[in-house]
Amino acid sequence: MAPAVSAGGQVSANAAGLFLLLFALVALSLTFAGGDLLGQGMYGLLCVSPLLLSIAAFADAGALGKAGGWFAVAAGAVAWYAATAVLAHWPTAPRGRAAGRGVTV
């Protein structure tokens, strides 16, 4: 994995890994903060991505970096769908029961 770059020069892999790990914890908090299932799925994917990228930075493992990148792509695709669904009034949650809660046959 290439070292991160800051305004003053290069950043060590440990510093980049720690930053990504902290970002993963923020995304984990947002995952459990509530909201609809689509939003929680997006934040869940976004949590896995920096977690894998931080492990890749600590271990200098390129394969984990690629996997983290693909999780980021998936999170971006889900976020794009969620934003488009809100604007186009598409469904963002699975439909419930047709009769409603408490109705039995």
Protein backbone atom coordinates (compact mmCIF):
# COMPACT_ATOMS: atom_id res chain seq x y z
CA MET A 1 0.00 0.00 0.00
CA ALA A 2 1.35 3.41 -0.89
CA PRO A 3 2.04 5.71 2.05
CA ALA A 4 -0.43 8.50 2.69
CA VAL A 5 0.56 12.05 1.91
CA SER A 6 -0.06 15.03 4.17
CA ALA A 7 0.43 18.75 3.61
CA GLY A 8 3.96 18.68 5.04
CA GLY A 9 5.18 15.40 3.59
CA GLN A 10 4.54 11.69 3.87
CA VAL A 11 2.67 10.03 6.72
CA SER A 12 3.72 6.69 8.16
CA ALA A 13 1.64 3.59 7.51
CA ASN A 14 0.84 3.39 11.23
CA ALA A 15 -0.55 6.93 11.26
CA ALA A 16 -2.66 6.24 8.18
CA GLY A 17 -3.86 2.95 9.66
CA LEU A 18 -4.82 4.63 12.92
CA PHE A 19 -6.74 7.36 11.09
CA LEU A 20 -8.63 4.73 9.06
CA LEU A 21 -9.36 2.71 12.19
CA LEU A 22 -10.85 5.78 13.89
CA PHE A 23 -12.91 6.49 10.77
CA ALA A 24 -14.18 2.89 10.88
CA LEU A 25 -15.31 3.45 14.48
CA VAL A 26 -17.25 6.56 13.43
CA ALA A 27 -18.93 4.57 10.65
CA LEU A 28 -19.72 1.79 13.15
CA SER A 29 -21.40 4.34 15.42
CA LEU A 30 -23.47 5.60 12.48
CA THR A 31 -24.42 2.01 11.60
CA PHE A 32 -25.98 1.46 15.02
CA ALA A 33 -27.44 4.99 15.27
CA GLY A 34 -30.68 3.86 13.67
CA GLY A 35 -32.46 4.84 10.52
CA ASP A 36 -33.75 2.67 7.74
CA LEU A 37 -32.24 -0.62 6.64
CA LEU A 38 -30.70 0.89 3.51
CA GLY A 39 -28.84 3.53 5.50
CA GLN A 40 -27.61 1.01 8.03
CA GLY A 41 -26.38 -1.23 5.21
CA MET A 42 -24.51 1.66 3.63
CA TYR A 43 -22.84 2.62 6.89
CA GLY A 44 -22.06 -1.05 7.57
CA LEU A 45 -20.26 -1.35 4.25
CA LEU A 46 -18.55 1.96 4.93
CA CYS A 47 -17.40 0.60 8.30
CA VAL A 48 -15.87 -2.54 6.78
CA SER A 49 -13.99 -0.56 4.12
CA PRO A 50 -11.74 1.58 6.36
CA LEU A 51 -11.35 -1.35 8.74
CA LEU A 52 -9.87 -3.47 5.96
CA LEU A 53 -7.82 -0.52 4.71
CA SER A 54 -6.41 0.09 8.19
CA ILE A 55 -5.44 -3.56 8.59
CA ALA A 56 -3.83 -3.38 5.15
CA ALA A 57 -1.87 -0.30 6.23
CA PHE A 58 -0.68 -1.93 9.46
CA ALA A 59 0.22 -5.26 7.81
CA ASP A 60 1.33 -3.88 4.43
CA ALA A 61 -1.09 -6.26 2.70
CA GLY A 62 -2.11 -5.17 -0.77
CA ALA A 63 -4.90 -7.75 -1.11
CA LEU A 64 -6.71 -6.38 1.93
CA GLY A 65 -6.33 -2.89 0.52
CA LYS A 66 -8.02 -4.00 -2.69
CA ALA A 67 -10.81 -5.70 -0.74
CA GLY A 68 -11.31 -2.52 1.30
CA GLY A 69 -11.52 -0.54 -1.92
CA TRP A 70 -14.22 -2.83 -3.28
CA PHE A 71 -16.21 -2.47 -0.07
CA ALA A 72 -15.94 1.30 -0.51
CA VAL A 73 -17.26 0.94 -4.07
CA ALA A 74 -20.20 -1.11 -2.77
CA ALA A 75 -20.92 1.48 -0.07
CA GLY A 76 -20.85 4.21 -2.71
CA ALA A 77 -23.27 2.28 -4.90
CA VAL A 78 -25.69 1.80 -2.00
CA ALA A 79 -25.39 5.49 -1.07
CA TRP A 80 -26.05 6.47 -4.69
CA TYR A 81 -29.15 4.25 -4.79
CA ALA A 82 -30.39 5.62 -1.47
CA ALA A 83 -30.02 9.23 -2.60
CA THR A 84 -31.65 8.53 -5.96
CA ALA A 85 -34.45 6.57 -4.29
CA VAL A 86 -35.31 9.47 -2.02
CA LEU A 87 -35.42 11.92 -4.93
CA ALA A 88 -37.39 9.56 -7.20
CA HIS A 89 -39.67 8.27 -4.40
CA TRP A 90 -38.54 4.67 -4.91
CA PRO A 91 -38.91 2.14 -2.09
CA THR A 92 -36.03 2.12 0.37
CA ALA A 93 -37.31 -0.57 2.74
CA PRO A 94 -38.86 -3.97 2.19
CA ARG A 95 -42.63 -3.93 2.23
CA GLY A 96 -44.42 -5.02 5.37
CA ARG A 97 -47.43 -7.23 5.63
CA ALA A 98 -50.33 -6.26 3.41
CA ALA A 99 -52.93 -6.42 6.20
CA GLY A 100 -50.90 -4.47 8.71
CA ARG A 101 -49.80 -5.22 12.24
CA GLY A 102 -52.10 -7.23 14.46
CA VAL A 103 -54.40 -8.54 11.71
CA THR A 104 -54.79 -12.30 11.62
CA VAL A 105 -56.53 -14.58 9.18
